[in-house]
Amino acid sequence: MMTETQVNLNVHEIGILLSALQLLDLSEEKLIARDYGSAPALYNKLYSLYERMDTSQTGLRNDVVPSF
């Protein structure tokens, strides 16, 4: 049974995850923490990676159509 995997994410994808984690309210954080672990700890881990990436191109890109 696999417990870890590596996923290649670009700066935009990490930005999406960081934004989503910021939008969690306290009840959602508690629910996630009960089943999976600390959302703030994941945010901090992702943010430390994000800080080391080239974020100069993180604005809205005209060639990308949102899926929502």
Protein backbone atom coordinates (compact mmCIF):
# COMPACT_ATOMS: atom_id res chain seq x y z
CA MET A 1 0.00 0.00 0.00
CA MET A 2 1.43 3.37 -1.06
CA THR A 3 1.57 6.15 1.57
CA GLU A 4 3.56 8.80 -0.32
CA THR A 5 4.01 9.93 -3.89
CA GLN A 6 5.71 12.78 -5.69
CA VAL A 7 3.72 15.14 -7.87
CA ASN A 8 5.24 17.78 -10.12
CA LEU A 9 3.34 21.05 -9.73
CA ASN A 10 4.06 24.36 -11.41
CA VAL A 11 3.89 27.74 -9.70
CA HIS A 12 0.31 28.31 -10.87
CA GLU A 13 -0.92 24.99 -9.48
CA ILE A 14 0.73 25.61 -6.11
CA GLY A 15 -0.83 29.08 -6.10
CA ILE A 16 -4.27 27.51 -6.60
CA LEU A 17 -3.72 25.13 -3.70
CA LEU A 18 -2.50 27.96 -1.46
CA SER A 19 -5.54 30.06 -2.36
CA ALA A 20 -7.90 27.18 -1.67
CA LEU A 21 -6.29 26.52 1.70
CA GLN A 22 -6.66 30.19 2.62
CA LEU A 23 -10.40 30.03 1.90
CA LEU A 24 -11.08 27.25 4.40
CA ASP A 25 -13.13 28.26 7.40
CA LEU A 26 -12.44 26.92 10.88
CA SER A 27 -15.05 24.14 10.69
CA GLU A 28 -13.58 22.91 7.39
CA GLU A 29 -10.06 23.00 8.84
CA LYS A 30 -11.21 20.90 11.80
CA LEU A 31 -12.91 18.38 9.53
CA ILE A 32 -9.81 18.06 7.34
CA ALA A 33 -7.53 17.83 10.38
CA ARG A 34 -9.58 14.97 11.79
CA ASP A 35 -9.28 12.89 8.64
CA TYR A 36 -6.02 14.00 7.02
CA GLY A 37 -3.92 16.34 9.15
CA SER A 38 -3.28 20.02 9.59
CA ALA A 39 -4.26 22.30 6.70
CA PRO A 40 -2.06 25.14 8.05
CA ALA A 41 0.93 22.77 8.13
CA LEU A 42 0.29 21.84 4.49
CA TYR A 43 -0.10 25.52 3.60
CA ASN A 44 3.25 26.33 5.22
CA LYS A 45 4.96 23.47 3.41
CA LEU A 46 3.55 24.51 0.03
CA TYR A 47 4.26 28.20 0.67
CA SER A 48 7.92 27.50 1.42
CA LEU A 49 8.15 25.78 -1.98
CA TYR A 50 6.22 28.59 -3.66
CA GLU A 51 8.65 31.20 -2.30
CA ARG A 52 11.55 29.44 -4.03
CA MET A 53 9.79 29.32 -7.40
CA ASP A 54 9.72 31.94 -10.16
CA THR A 55 6.51 33.83 -9.39
CA SER A 56 7.09 36.59 -11.95
CA GLN A 57 4.52 35.02 -14.30
CA THR A 58 1.74 34.26 -11.80
CA GLY A 59 -0.81 36.76 -13.13
CA LEU A 60 -3.83 35.72 -15.18
CA ARG A 61 -2.70 34.17 -18.42
CA ASN A 62 -4.76 34.86 -21.54
CA ASP A 63 -3.99 31.46 -23.05
CA VAL A 64 -5.59 29.53 -20.18
CA VAL A 65 -9.32 29.01 -20.01
CA PRO A 66 -10.58 28.39 -16.45
CA SER A 67 -12.30 25.05 -15.99
CA PHE A 68 -14.95 26.45 -13.65
